[in-house]
PDB file of N, CA and C in Angstrom:
ATOM      1  N   UNK A   1     -36.069 -37.252  11.972  1.00  0.00           N
ATOM      2  CA  UNK A   1     -34.647 -37.235  12.191  1.00  0.00           C
ATOM      3  C   UNK A   1     -33.928 -37.509  10.885  1.00  0.00           C
ATOM      4  N   UNK A   2     -32.934 -36.714  10.646  1.00  0.00           N
ATOM      5  CA  UNK A   2     -32.154 -36.909   9.432  1.00  0.00           C
ATOM      6  C   UNK A   2     -31.070 -37.927   9.720  1.00  0.00           C
ATOM      7  N   UNK A   3     -30.976 -38.837   8.800  1.00  0.00           N
ATOM      8  CA  UNK A   3     -29.930 -39.853   8.957  1.00  0.00           C
ATOM      9  C   UNK A   3     -28.576 -39.247   8.672  1.00  0.00           C
ATOM     10  N   UNK A   4     -27.589 -39.705   9.415  1.00  0.00           N
ATOM     11  CA  UNK A   4     -26.237 -39.202   9.206  1.00  0.00           C
ATOM     12  C   UNK A   4     -25.686 -39.880   7.958  1.00  0.00           C
ATOM     13  N   UNK A   5     -25.277 -39.066   7.019  1.00  0.00           N
ATOM     14  CA  UNK A   5     -24.771 -39.619   5.774  1.00  0.00           C
ATOM     15  C   UNK A   5     -23.313 -40.024   5.939  1.00  0.00           C
ATOM     16  N   UNK A   6     -22.976 -41.086   5.256  1.00  0.00           N
ATOM     17  CA  UNK A   6     -21.604 -41.566   5.268  1.00  0.00           C
ATOM     18  C   UNK A   6     -20.761 -40.575   4.468  1.00  0.00           C
ATOM     19  N   UNK A   7     -19.590 -40.140   5.021  1.00  0.00           N
ATOM     20  CA  UNK A   7     -18.792 -39.160   4.279  1.00  0.00           C
ATOM     21  C   UNK A   7     -18.307 -39.751   2.959  1.00  0.00           C
ATOM     22  N   UNK A   8     -18.362 -38.928   1.940  1.00  0.00           N
ATOM     23  CA  UNK A   8     -17.925 -39.409   0.638  1.00  0.00           C
ATOM     24  C   UNK A   8     -16.396 -39.430   0.574  1.00  0.00           C
ATOM     25  N   UNK A   9     -15.859 -39.795  -0.555  1.00  0.00           N
ATOM     26  CA  UNK A   9     -14.427 -39.984  -0.726  1.00  0.00           C
ATOM     27  C   UNK A   9     -13.635 -38.702  -0.476  1.00  0.00           C
ATOM     28  N   UNK A  10     -14.165 -37.558  -0.843  1.00  0.00           N
ATOM     29  CA  UNK A  10     -13.473 -36.277  -0.654  1.00  0.00           C
ATOM     30  C   UNK A  10     -13.360 -35.957   0.827  1.00  0.00           C
ATOM     31  N   UNK A  11     -14.459 -36.148   1.565  1.00  0.00           N
ATOM     32  CA  UNK A  11     -14.421 -35.891   3.010  1.00  0.00           C
ATOM     33  C   UNK A  11     -13.506 -36.872   3.738  1.00  0.00           C
ATOM     34  N   UNK A  12     -13.524 -38.125   3.341  1.00  0.00           N
ATOM     35  CA  UNK A  12     -12.638 -39.118   3.960  1.00  0.00           C
ATOM     36  C   UNK A  12     -11.170 -38.742   3.725  1.00  0.00           C
ATOM     37  N   UNK A  13     -10.887 -38.277   2.505  1.00  0.00           N
ATOM     38  CA  UNK A  13      -9.519 -37.862   2.184  1.00  0.00           C
ATOM     39  C   UNK A  13      -9.113 -36.648   3.030  1.00  0.00           C
ATOM     40  N   UNK A  14     -10.020 -35.684   3.219  1.00  0.00           N
ATOM     41  CA  UNK A  14      -9.730 -34.503   4.034  1.00  0.00           C
ATOM     42  C   UNK A  14      -9.462 -34.894   5.491  1.00  0.00           C
ATOM     43  N   UNK A  15     -10.233 -35.828   6.018  1.00  0.00           N
ATOM     44  CA  UNK A  15     -10.037 -36.316   7.391  1.00  0.00           C
ATOM     45  C   UNK A  15      -8.677 -37.001   7.503  1.00  0.00           C
ATOM     46  N   UNK A  16      -8.342 -37.800   6.485  1.00  0.00           N
ATOM     47  CA  UNK A  16      -7.061 -38.512   6.478  1.00  0.00           C
ATOM     48  C   UNK A  16      -5.884 -37.521   6.429  1.00  0.00           C
ATOM     49  N   UNK A  17      -5.976 -36.490   5.611  1.00  0.00           N
ATOM     50  CA  UNK A  17      -4.927 -35.477   5.505  1.00  0.00           C
ATOM     51  C   UNK A  17      -4.764 -34.744   6.828  1.00  0.00           C
ATOM     52  N   UNK A  18      -5.868 -34.400   7.480  1.00  0.00           N
ATOM     53  CA  UNK A  18      -5.812 -33.705   8.764  1.00  0.00           C
ATOM     54  C   UNK A  18      -5.164 -34.585   9.835  1.00  0.00           C
ATOM     55  N   UNK A  19      -5.475 -35.868   9.833  1.00  0.00           N
ATOM     56  CA  UNK A  19      -4.885 -36.798  10.795  1.00  0.00           C
ATOM     57  C   UNK A  19      -3.368 -36.896  10.594  1.00  0.00           C
ATOM     58  N   UNK A  20      -2.943 -36.975   9.349  1.00  0.00           N
ATOM     59  CA  UNK A  20      -1.509 -37.072   9.060  1.00  0.00           C
ATOM     60  C   UNK A  20      -0.784 -35.802   9.489  1.00  0.00           C
ATOM     61  N   UNK A  21      -1.392 -34.638   9.258  1.00  0.00           N
ATOM     62  CA  UNK A  21      -0.767 -33.374   9.662  1.00  0.00           C
ATOM     63  C   UNK A  21      -0.605 -33.306  11.184  1.00  0.00           C
ATOM     64  N   UNK A  22      -1.609 -33.772  11.926  1.00  0.00           N
ATOM     65  CA  UNK A  22      -1.515 -33.787  13.397  1.00  0.00           C
ATOM     66  C   UNK A  22      -0.393 -34.716  13.846  1.00  0.00           C
ATOM     67  N   UNK A  23      -0.292 -35.891  13.225  1.00  0.00           N
ATOM     68  CA  UNK A  23       0.762 -36.839  13.603  1.00  0.00           C
ATOM     69  C   UNK A  23       2.145 -36.284  13.303  1.00  0.00           C
ATOM     70  N   UNK A  24       2.307 -35.643  12.135  1.00  0.00           N
ATOM     71  CA  UNK A  24       3.615 -35.104  11.764  1.00  0.00           C
ATOM     72  C   UNK A  24       4.015 -33.924  12.649  1.00  0.00           C
ATOM     73  N   UNK A  25       3.044 -33.203  13.146  1.00  0.00           N
ATOM     74  CA  UNK A  25       3.335 -32.073  14.017  1.00  0.00           C
ATOM     75  C   UNK A  25       3.940 -32.545  15.344  1.00  0.00           C
ATOM     76  N   UNK A  26       3.526 -33.724  15.812  1.00  0.00           N
ATOM     77  CA  UNK A  26       3.993 -34.231  17.097  1.00  0.00           C
ATOM     78  C   UNK A  26       5.205 -35.152  16.988  1.00  0.00           C
ATOM     79  N   UNK A  27       5.620 -35.484  15.774  1.00  0.00           N
ATOM     80  CA  UNK A  27       6.748 -36.392  15.605  1.00  0.00           C
ATOM     81  C   UNK A  27       8.066 -35.651  15.770  1.00  0.00           C
ATOM     82  N   UNK A  28       9.052 -36.384  16.311  1.00  0.00           N
ATOM     83  CA  UNK A  28      10.404 -35.854  16.433  1.00  0.00           C
ATOM     84  C   UNK A  28      11.342 -36.825  15.746  1.00  0.00           C
ATOM     85  N   UNK A  29      12.337 -36.292  15.101  1.00  0.00           N
ATOM     86  CA  UNK A  29      13.340 -37.128  14.471  1.00  0.00           C
ATOM     87  C   UNK A  29      14.533 -37.233  15.416  1.00  0.00           C
ATOM     88  N   UNK A  30      14.799 -38.456  15.878  1.00  0.00           N
ATOM     89  CA  UNK A  30      15.920 -38.687  16.788  1.00  0.00           C
ATOM     90  C   UNK A  30      17.125 -39.109  15.968  1.00  0.00           C
ATOM     91  N   UNK A  31      18.215 -38.378  16.110  1.00  0.00           N
ATOM     92  CA  UNK A  31      19.435 -38.707  15.364  1.00  0.00           C
ATOM     93  C   UNK A  31      20.572 -39.135  16.267  1.00  0.00           C
ATOM     94  N   UNK A  32      20.480 -38.885  17.573  1.00  0.00           N
ATOM     95  CA  UNK A  32      21.524 -39.302  18.498  1.00  0.00           C
ATOM     96  C   UNK A  32      21.061 -40.528  19.262  1.00  0.00           C
ATOM     97  N   UNK A  33      21.861 -41.585  19.212  1.00  0.00           N
ATOM     98  CA  UNK A  33      21.523 -42.828  19.883  1.00  0.00           C
ATOM     99  C   UNK A  33      22.655 -43.207  20.815  1.00  0.00           C
ATOM    100  N   UNK A  34      22.309 -43.846  21.920  1.00  0.00           N
ATOM    101  CA  UNK A  34      23.328 -44.341  22.835  1.00  0.00           C
ATOM    102  C   UNK A  34      22.820 -45.632  23.455  1.00  0.00           C
ATOM    103  N   UNK A  35      23.715 -46.347  24.076  1.00  0.00           N
ATOM    104  CA  UNK A  35      23.364 -47.607  24.705  1.00  0.00           C
ATOM    105  C   UNK A  35      22.706 -47.310  26.039  1.00  0.00           C
ATOM    106  N   UNK A  36      21.686 -48.070  26.371  1.00  0.00           N
ATOM    107  CA  UNK A  36      20.992 -47.908  27.637  1.00  0.00           C
ATOM    108  C   UNK A  36      21.900 -48.374  28.771  1.00  0.00           C
ATOM    109  N   UNK A  37      22.281 -47.481  29.711  1.00  0.00           N
ATOM    110  CA  UNK A  37      23.190 -47.909  30.784  1.00  0.00           C
ATOM    111  C   UNK A  37      22.527 -48.829  31.796  1.00  0.00           C
ATOM    112  N   UNK A  38      21.196 -48.933  31.779  1.00  0.00           N
ATOM    113  CA  UNK A  38      20.499 -49.779  32.741  1.00  0.00           C
ATOM    114  C   UNK A  38      20.372 -51.222  32.254  1.00  0.00           C
ATOM    115  N   UNK A  39      20.754 -51.492  31.004  1.00  0.00           N
ATOM    116  CA  UNK A  39      20.666 -52.833  30.454  1.00  0.00           C
ATOM    117  C   UNK A  39      22.042 -53.479  30.525  1.00  0.00           C
ATOM    118  N   UNK A  40      22.078 -54.760  30.843  1.00  0.00           N
ATOM    119  CA  UNK A  40      23.359 -55.450  30.964  1.00  0.00           C
ATOM    120  C   UNK A  40      23.986 -55.622  29.585  1.00  0.00           C
ATOM    121  N   UNK A  41      25.298 -55.441  29.540  1.00  0.00           N
ATOM    122  CA  UNK A  41      26.035 -55.606  28.296  1.00  0.00           C
ATOM    123  C   UNK A  41      26.691 -56.982  28.276  1.00  0.00           C
ATOM    124  N   UNK A  42      26.678 -57.598  27.130  1.00  0.00           N
ATOM    125  CA  UNK A  42      27.354 -58.875  26.965  1.00  0.00           C
ATOM    126  C   UNK A  42      28.495 -58.650  25.981  1.00  0.00           C
ATOM    127  N   UNK A  43      29.699 -58.637  26.482  1.00  0.00           N
ATOM    128  CA  UNK A  43      30.869 -58.428  25.643  1.00  0.00           C
ATOM    129  C   UNK A  43      31.406 -59.796  25.252  1.00  0.00           C
ATOM    130  N   UNK A  44      31.528 -60.017  23.960  1.00  0.00           N
ATOM    131  CA  UNK A  44      32.001 -61.300  23.476  1.00  0.00           C
ATOM    132  C   UNK A  44      33.518 -61.289  23.381  1.00  0.00           C
ATOM    133  N   UNK A  45      34.166 -62.346  23.862  1.00  0.00           N
ATOM    134  CA  UNK A  45      35.626 -62.402  23.767  1.00  0.00           C
ATOM    135  C   UNK A  45      36.052 -62.786  22.353  1.00  0.00           C
ATOM    136  N   UNK A  46      37.348 -62.641  22.078  1.00  0.00           N
ATOM    137  CA  UNK A  46      37.891 -63.060  20.785  1.00  0.00           C
ATOM    138  C   UNK A  46      37.839 -64.576  20.676  1.00  0.00           C
ATOM    139  N   UNK A  47      38.028 -65.057  19.457  1.00  0.00           N
ATOM    140  CA  UNK A  47      38.073 -66.502  19.242  1.00  0.00           C
ATOM    141  C   UNK A  47      39.325 -67.045  19.908  1.00  0.00           C
ATOM    142  N   UNK A  48      39.249 -68.247  20.472  1.00  0.00           N
ATOM    143  CA  UNK A  48      40.386 -68.757  21.235  1.00  0.00           C
ATOM    144  C   UNK A  48      41.657 -68.975  20.407  1.00  0.00           C
ATOM    145  N   UNK A  49      41.522 -69.318  19.131  1.00  0.00           N
ATOM    146  CA  UNK A  49      42.704 -69.625  18.326  1.00  0.00           C
ATOM    147  C   UNK A  49      43.163 -68.434  17.478  1.00  0.00           C
ATOM    148  N   UNK A  50      42.539 -67.285  17.625  1.00  0.00           N
ATOM    149  CA  UNK A  50      42.961 -66.138  16.829  1.00  0.00           C
ATOM    150  C   UNK A  50      44.265 -65.584  17.386  1.00  0.00           C
ATOM    151  N   UNK A  51      45.150 -65.173  16.477  1.00  0.00           N
ATOM    152  CA  UNK A  51      46.450 -64.682  16.905  1.00  0.00           C
ATOM    153  C   UNK A  51      46.599 -63.189  16.728  1.00  0.00           C
ATOM    154  N   UNK A  52      45.528 -62.501  16.385  1.00  0.00           N
ATOM    155  CA  UNK A  52      45.634 -61.056  16.198  1.00  0.00           C
ATOM    156  C   UNK A  52      45.792 -60.375  17.557  1.00  0.00           C
ATOM    157  N   UNK A  53      46.558 -59.305  17.611  1.00  0.00           N
ATOM    158  CA  UNK A  53      46.737 -58.614  18.895  1.00  0.00           C
ATOM    159  C   UNK A  53      45.428 -57.960  19.332  1.00  0.00           C
ATOM    160  N   UNK A  54      45.250 -57.899  20.610  1.00  0.00           N
ATOM    161  CA  UNK A  54      44.021 -57.298  21.127  1.00  0.00           C
ATOM    162  C   UNK A  54      44.069 -55.799  20.909  1.00  0.00           C
ATOM    163  N   UNK A  55      42.962 -55.264  20.444  1.00  0.00           N
ATOM    164  CA  UNK A  55      42.877 -53.832  20.184  1.00  0.00           C
ATOM    165  C   UNK A  55      42.415 -53.116  21.440  1.00  0.00           C
ATOM    166  N   UNK A  56      42.960 -51.962  21.650  1.00  0.00           N
ATOM    167  CA  UNK A  56      42.521 -51.155  22.785  1.00  0.00           C
ATOM    168  C   UNK A  56      41.253 -50.412  22.378  1.00  0.00           C
ATOM    169  N   UNK A  57      40.223 -50.551  23.171  1.00  0.00           N
ATOM    170  CA  UNK A  57      38.939 -49.920  22.859  1.00  0.00           C
ATOM    171  C   UNK A  57      38.902 -48.561  23.533  1.00  0.00           C
ATOM    172  N   UNK A  58      38.648 -47.544  22.743  1.00  0.00           N
ATOM    173  CA  UNK A  58      38.538 -46.194  23.285  1.00  0.00           C
ATOM    174  C   UNK A  58      37.124 -46.035  23.804  1.00  0.00           C
ATOM    175  N   UNK A  59      36.979 -45.684  25.076  1.00  0.00           N
ATOM    176  CA  UNK A  59      35.664 -45.622  25.690  1.00  0.00           C
ATOM    177  C   UNK A  59      35.072 -44.229  25.706  1.00  0.00           C
ATOM    178  N   UNK A  60      33.786 -44.196  25.758  1.00  0.00           N
ATOM    179  CA  UNK A  60      33.056 -42.948  25.918  1.00  0.00           C
ATOM    180  C   UNK A  60      32.889 -42.736  27.427  1.00  0.00           C
ATOM    181  N   UNK A  61      33.573 -41.743  27.975  1.00  0.00           N
ATOM    182  CA  UNK A  61      33.623 -41.581  29.419  1.00  0.00           C
ATOM    183  C   UNK A  61      32.264 -41.199  30.002  1.00  0.00           C
ATOM    184  N   UNK A  62      31.450 -40.462  29.252  1.00  0.00           N
ATOM    185  CA  UNK A  62      30.116 -40.124  29.754  1.00  0.00           C
ATOM    186  C   UNK A  62      29.268 -41.368  29.900  1.00  0.00           C
ATOM    187  N   UNK A  63      29.360 -42.267  28.908  1.00  0.00           N
ATOM    188  CA  UNK A  63      28.596 -43.507  28.983  1.00  0.00           C
ATOM    189  C   UNK A  63      29.079 -44.375  30.134  1.00  0.00           C
ATOM    190  N   UNK A  64      30.396 -44.460  30.297  1.00  0.00           N
ATOM    191  CA  UNK A  64      30.950 -45.287  31.376  1.00  0.00           C
ATOM    192  C   UNK A  64      30.520 -44.730  32.730  1.00  0.00           C
ATOM    193  N   UNK A  65      30.519 -43.415  32.860  1.00  0.00           N
ATOM    194  CA  UNK A  65      30.085 -42.788  34.108  1.00  0.00           C
ATOM    195  C   UNK A  65      28.607 -43.091  34.373  1.00  0.00           C
ATOM    196  N   UNK A  66      27.764 -42.972  33.342  1.00  0.00           N
ATOM    197  CA  UNK A  66      26.336 -43.279  33.495  1.00  0.00           C
ATOM    198  C   UNK A  66      26.124 -44.755  33.785  1.00  0.00           C
ATOM    199  N   UNK A  67      26.940 -45.608  33.173  1.00  0.00           N
ATOM    200  CA  UNK A  67      26.842 -47.050  33.393  1.00  0.00           C
ATOM    201  C   UNK A  67      27.141 -47.391  34.849  1.00  0.00           C
ATOM    202  N   UNK A  68      28.211 -46.814  35.396  1.00  0.00           N
ATOM    203  CA  UNK A  68      28.560 -47.078  36.794  1.00  0.00           C
ATOM    204  C   UNK A  68      27.536 -46.465  37.744  1.00  0.00           C
ATOM    205  N   UNK A  69      26.984 -45.324  37.395  1.00  0.00           N
ATOM    206  CA  UNK A  69      25.956 -44.693  38.221  1.00  0.00           C
ATOM    207  C   UNK A  69      24.703 -45.570  38.281  1.00  0.00           C
ATOM    208  N   UNK A  70      24.360 -46.213  37.174  1.00  0.00           N
ATOM    209  CA  UNK A  70      23.184 -47.080  37.137  1.00  0.00           C
ATOM    210  C   UNK A  70      23.387 -48.337  37.968  1.00  0.00           C
ATOM    211  N   UNK A  71      24.644 -48.780  38.123  1.00  0.00           N
ATOM    212  CA  UNK A  71      24.927 -50.004  38.872  1.00  0.00           C
ATOM    213  C   UNK A  71      25.122 -49.750  40.376  1.00  0.00           C
ATOM    214  N   UNK A  72      25.036 -48.508  40.811  1.00  0.00           N
ATOM    215  CA  UNK A  72      25.237 -48.214  42.232  1.00  0.00           C
ATOM    216  C   UNK A  72      24.073 -48.734  43.069  1.00  0.00           C
ATOM    217  N   UNK A  73      24.376 -48.963  44.331  1.00  0.00           N
ATOM    218  CA  UNK A  73      23.356 -49.360  45.296  1.00  0.00           C
ATOM    219  C   UNK A  73      22.474 -48.143  45.575  1.00  0.00           C
ATOM    220  N   UNK A  74      21.162 -48.323  45.759  1.00  0.00           N
ATOM    221  CA  UNK A  74      20.287 -47.168  45.973  1.00  0.00           C
ATOM    222  C   UNK A  74      20.705 -46.263  47.121  1.00  0.00           C
ATOM    223  N   UNK A  75      21.302 -46.809  48.175  1.00  0.00           N
ATOM    224  CA  UNK A  75      21.724 -45.953  49.286  1.00  0.00           C
ATOM    225  C   UNK A  75      22.880 -45.050  48.894  1.00  0.00           C
ATOM    226  N   UNK A  76      23.660 -45.441  47.883  1.00  0.00           N
ATOM    227  CA  UNK A  76      24.746 -44.585  47.401  1.00  0.00           C
ATOM    228  C   UNK A  76      24.238 -43.578  46.373  1.00  0.00           C
ATOM    229  N   UNK A  77      23.190 -43.933  45.642  1.00  0.00           N
ATOM    230  CA  UNK A  77      22.646 -43.029  44.622  1.00  0.00           C
ATOM    231  C   UNK A  77      21.877 -41.877  45.246  1.00  0.00           C
ATOM    232  N   UNK A  78      21.046 -42.185  46.236  1.00  0.00           N
ATOM    233  CA  UNK A  78      20.128 -41.191  46.798  1.00  0.00           C
ATOM    234  C   UNK A  78      20.401 -41.017  48.282  1.00  0.00           C
ATOM    235  N   UNK A  79      20.118 -39.827  48.801  1.00  0.00           N
ATOM    236  CA  UNK A  79      20.356 -39.577  50.222  1.00  0.00           C
ATOM    237  C   UNK A  79      19.211 -40.110  51.083  1.00  0.00           C
ATOM    238  N   UNK A  80      17.993 -40.119  50.550  1.00  0.00           N
ATOM    239  CA  UNK A  80      16.829 -40.636  51.276  1.00  0.00           C
ATOM    240  C   UNK A  80      16.085 -41.612  50.387  1.00  0.00           C
ATOM    241  N   UNK A  81      15.301 -42.538  50.967  1.00  0.00           N
ATOM    242  CA  UNK A  81      14.544 -43.484  50.139  1.00  0.00           C
ATOM    243  C   UNK A  81      13.479 -42.761  49.309  1.00  0.00           C
ATOM    244  N   UNK A  82      13.280 -43.238  48.078  1.00  0.00           N
ATOM    245  CA  UNK A  82      12.320 -42.609  47.181  1.00  0.00           C
ATOM    246  C   UNK A  82      10.919 -43.182  47.337  1.00  0.00           C
ATOM    247  N   UNK A  83      10.812 -44.445  47.718  1.00  0.00           N
ATOM    248  CA  UNK A  83       9.499 -45.088  47.845  1.00  0.00           C
ATOM    249  C   UNK A  83       9.335 -45.647  49.255  1.00  0.00           C
ATOM    250  N   UNK A  84       8.107 -46.036  49.562  1.00  0.00           N
ATOM    251  CA  UNK A  84       7.818 -46.626  50.878  1.00  0.00           C
ATOM    252  C   UNK A  84       8.561 -47.948  51.052  1.00  0.00           C
ATOM    253  N   UNK A  85       8.641 -48.736  49.989  1.00  0.00           N
ATOM    254  CA  UNK A  85       9.284 -50.041  50.120  1.00  0.00           C
ATOM    255  C   UNK A  85      10.801 -49.912  50.290  1.00  0.00           C
ATOM    256  N   UNK A  86      11.391 -48.808  49.842  1.00  0.00           N
ATOM    257  CA  UNK A  86      12.821 -48.614  50.052  1.00  0.00           C
ATOM    258  C   UNK A  86      13.139 -48.250  51.496  1.00  0.00           C
ATOM    259  N   UNK A  87      12.163 -47.778  52.240  1.00  0.00           N
ATOM    260  CA  UNK A  87      12.417 -47.400  53.633  1.00  0.00           C
ATOM    261  C   UNK A  87      12.784 -48.608  54.474  1.00  0.00           C
ATOM    262  N   UNK A  88      12.248 -49.772  54.104  1.00  0.00           N
ATOM    263  CA  UNK A  88      12.561 -50.993  54.843  1.00  0.00           C
ATOM    264  C   UNK A  88      13.959 -51.419  54.446  1.00  0.00           C
ATOM    265  N   UNK A  89      14.864 -51.443  55.386  1.00  0.00           N
ATOM    266  CA  UNK A  89      16.239 -51.841  55.127  1.00  0.00           C
ATOM    267  C   UNK A  89      17.121 -50.737  54.590  1.00  0.00           C
ATOM    268  N   UNK A  90      16.647 -49.492  54.561  1.00  0.00           N
ATOM    269  CA  UNK A  90      17.472 -48.396  54.044  1.00  0.00           C
ATOM    270  C   UNK A  90      18.712 -48.194  54.913  1.00  0.00           C
ATOM    271  N   UNK A  91      18.500 -48.199  56.233  1.00  0.00           N
ATOM    272  CA  UNK A  91      19.632 -48.082  57.163  1.00  0.00           C
ATOM    273  C   UNK A  91      20.020 -49.510  57.546  1.00  0.00           C
ATOM    274  N   UNK A  92      21.080 -50.005  56.944  1.00  0.00           N
ATOM    275  CA  UNK A  92      21.432 -51.412  57.138  1.00  0.00           C
ATOM    276  C   UNK A  92      22.613 -51.603  58.089  1.00  0.00           C
ATOM    277  N   UNK A  93      23.109 -50.545  58.683  1.00  0.00           N
ATOM    278  CA  UNK A  93      24.202 -50.710  59.642  1.00  0.00           C
ATOM    279  C   UNK A  93      23.634 -51.253  60.947  1.00  0.00           C
ATOM    280  N   UNK A  94      24.348 -52.160  61.606  1.00  0.00           N
ATOM    281  CA  UNK A  94      23.833 -52.725  62.853  1.00  0.00           C
ATOM    282  C   UNK A  94      23.784 -51.664  63.955  1.00  0.00           C
ATOM    283  N   UNK A  95      22.803 -51.794  64.835  1.00  0.00           N
ATOM    284  CA  UNK A  95      22.636 -50.834  65.919  1.00  0.00           C
ATOM    285  C   UNK A  95      23.697 -51.000  67.007  1.00  0.00           C
ATOM    286  N   UNK A  96      24.128 -52.242  67.224  1.00  0.00           N
ATOM    287  CA  UNK A  96      25.198 -52.486  68.191  1.00  0.00           C
ATOM    288  C   UNK A  96      26.287 -53.303  67.495  1.00  0.00           C
ATOM    289  N   UNK A  97      27.530 -53.146  67.890  1.00  0.00           N
ATOM    290  CA  UNK A  97      28.591 -53.934  67.241  1.00  0.00           C
ATOM    291  C   UNK A  97      28.435 -55.416  67.572  1.00  0.00           C
ATOM    292  N   UNK A  98      28.714 -56.256  66.586  1.00  0.00           N
ATOM    293  CA  UNK A  98      28.550 -57.701  66.812  1.00  0.00           C
ATOM    294  C   UNK A  98      29.827 -58.293  67.381  1.00  0.00           C
ATOM    295  N   UNK A  99      29.648 -59.231  68.279  1.00  0.00           N
ATOM    296  CA  UNK A  99      30.763 -59.921  68.905  1.00  0.00           C
ATOM    297  C   UNK A  99      30.384 -61.388  69.035  1.00  0.00           C
ATOM    298  N   UNK A 100      31.310 -62.279  68.714  1.00  0.00           N
ATOM    299  CA  UNK A 100      31.017 -63.713  68.799  1.00  0.00           C
ATOM    300  C   UNK A 100      30.866 -64.161  70.253  1.00  0.00           C
ATOM    301  N   UNK A 101      31.408 -63.380  71.188  1.00  0.00           N
ATOM    302  CA  UNK A 101      31.362 -63.784  72.595  1.00  0.00           C
ATOM    303  C   UNK A 101      30.127 -63.238  73.311  1.00  0.00           C
ATOM    304  N   UNK A 102      29.359 -62.408  72.644  1.00  0.00           N
ATOM    305  CA  UNK A 102      28.161 -61.851  73.260  1.00  0.00           C
ATOM    306  C   UNK A 102      27.039 -62.886  73.170  1.00  0.00           C
ATOM    307  N   UNK A 103      26.608 -63.416  74.312  1.00  0.00           N
ATOM    308  CA  UNK A 103      25.615 -64.495  74.319  1.00  0.00           C
ATOM    309  C   UNK A 103      24.192 -63.994  74.097  1.00  0.00           C
ATOM    310  N   UNK A 104      23.990 -62.670  74.078  1.00  0.00           N
ATOM    311  CA  UNK A 104      22.647 -62.149  73.836  1.00  0.00           C
ATOM    312  C   UNK A 104      22.230 -62.357  72.383  1.00  0.00           C
ATOM    313  N   UNK A 105      23.201 -62.314  71.475  1.00  0.00           N
ATOM    314  CA  UNK A 105      22.867 -62.413  70.055  1.00  0.00           C
ATOM    315  C   UNK A 105      23.386 -63.677  69.386  1.00  0.00           C
ATOM    316  N   UNK A 106      24.381 -64.325  69.956  1.00  0.00           N
ATOM    317  CA  UNK A 106      24.945 -65.542  69.369  1.00  0.00           C
ATOM    318  C   UNK A 106      24.523 -66.742  70.186  1.00  0.00           C
ATOM    319  N   UNK A 107      23.811 -67.630  69.524  1.00  0.00           N
ATOM    320  CA  UNK A 107      23.330 -68.838  70.189  1.00  0.00           C
ATOM    321  C   UNK A 107      24.132 -70.007  69.641  1.00  0.00           C
ATOM    322  N   UNK A 108      25.336 -70.159  70.191  1.00  0.00           N
ATOM    323  CA  UNK A 108      26.201 -71.229  69.706  1.00  0.00           C
ATOM    324  C   UNK A 108      25.698 -72.576  70.214  1.00  0.00           C
ATOM    325  N   UNK A 109      26.128 -73.594  69.512  1.00  0.00           N
ATOM    326  CA  UNK A 109      25.684 -74.943  69.850  1.00  0.00           C
ATOM    327  C   UNK A 109      26.419 -75.413  71.098  1.00  0.00           C
ATOM    328  N   UNK A 110      25.656 -75.818  72.084  1.00  0.00           N
ATOM    329  CA  UNK A 110      26.233 -76.314  73.334  1.00  0.00           C
ATOM    330  C   UNK A 110      25.794 -77.759  73.531  1.00  0.00           C
ATOM    331  N   UNK A 111      26.695 -78.555  74.053  1.00  0.00           N
ATOM    332  CA  UNK A 111      26.347 -79.960  74.272  1.00  0.00           C
ATOM    333  C   UNK A 111      26.355 -80.269  75.768  1.00  0.00           C
ATOM    334  N   UNK A 112      25.436 -81.139  76.143  1.00  0.00           N
ATOM    335  CA  UNK A 112      25.334 -81.592  77.539  1.00  0.00           C
ATOM    336  C   UNK A 112      25.442 -83.109  77.536  1.00  0.00           C
ATOM    337  N   UNK A 113      25.295 -83.719  78.712  1.00  0.00           N
ATOM    338  CA  UNK A 113      25.378 -85.188  78.808  1.00  0.00           C
ATOM    339  C   UNK A 113      24.299 -85.842  77.947  1.00  0.00           C
ATOM    340  N   UNK A 114      23.100 -85.296  78.023  1.00  0.00           N
ATOM    341  CA  UNK A 114      21.969 -85.885  77.302  1.00  0.00           C
ATOM    342  C   UNK A 114      22.172 -85.775  75.789  1.00  0.00           C
ATOM    343  N   UNK A 115      22.599 -84.618  75.335  1.00  0.00           N
ATOM    344  CA  UNK A 115      22.766 -84.441  73.887  1.00  0.00           C
ATOM    345  C   UNK A 115      23.930 -85.272  73.355  1.00  0.00           C
ATOM    346  N   UNK A 116      25.001 -85.419  74.126  1.00  0.00           N
ATOM    347  CA  UNK A 116      26.121 -86.265  73.703  1.00  0.00           C
ATOM    348  C   UNK A 116      25.682 -87.719  73.606  1.00  0.00           C
ATOM    349  N   UNK A 117      24.896 -88.174  74.595  1.00  0.00           N
ATOM    350  CA  UNK A 117      24.392 -89.553  74.585  1.00  0.00           C
ATOM    351  C   UNK A 117      23.496 -89.768  73.360  1.00  0.00           C
ATOM    352  N   UNK A 118      22.620 -88.804  73.060  1.00  0.00           N
ATOM    353  CA  UNK A 118      21.714 -88.923  71.923  1.00  0.00           C
ATOM    354  C   UNK A 118      22.488 -88.924  70.600  1.00  0.00           C
ATOM    355  N   UNK A 119      23.525 -88.141  70.497  1.00  0.00           N
ATOM    356  CA  UNK A 119      24.340 -88.119  69.283  1.00  0.00           C
ATOM    357  C   UNK A 119      25.022 -89.452  69.070  1.00  0.00           C
ATOM    358  N   UNK A 120      25.543 -90.042  70.152  1.00  0.00           N
ATOM    359  CA  UNK A 120      26.201 -91.333  70.032  1.00  0.00           C
ATOM    360  C   UNK A 120      25.226 -92.425  69.607  1.00  0.00           C
ATOM    361  N   UNK A 121      24.019 -92.384  70.122  1.00  0.00           N
ATOM    362  CA  UNK A 121      23.029 -93.413  69.732  1.00  0.00           C
ATOM    363  C   UNK A 121      22.573 -93.234  68.284  1.00  0.00           C
ATOM    364  N   UNK A 122      22.507 -92.012  67.818  1.00  0.00           N
ATOM    365  CA  UNK A 122      22.114 -91.774  66.424  1.00  0.00           C
ATOM    366  C   UNK A 122      23.207 -92.163  65.444  1.00  0.00           C
ATOM    367  N   UNK A 123      24.455 -92.068  65.848  1.00  0.00           N
ATOM    368  CA  UNK A 123      25.581 -92.413  64.949  1.00  0.00           C
ATOM    369  C   UNK A 123      25.682 -93.916  64.754  1.00  0.00           C
ATOM    370  N   UNK A 124      25.223 -94.717  65.718  1.00  0.00           N
ATOM    371  CA  UNK A 124      25.363 -96.188  65.630  1.00  0.00           C
ATOM    372  C   UNK A 124      24.333 -96.797  64.744  1.00  0.00           C
TER     373      UNK A 124
END
């Protein structure tokens, strides 16, 4: 069996050049940057003792629209749930209208002779 020889300096350089060419072929130069609408923004207020008039900030309407879209509730963003876990609680409207006088769903506190007597003994 012939032993595998270690590549000499010329071969190592050729391998290195080929690797760099492959990397440069797949690289893209990004020149347009924007703020991530999914990340919370922290806007700092002016100093309390500054007397300069407040400047009106001209907004980028596309960014503001994307920002508000990112903050929407999933039921407003999508018509149907995207994942299995979103299916639980997707329809959050009650099945029957709620009423405080309906005793089937409201278990209000009721007192009897025994409970009134017990409350009085606990207060003393």
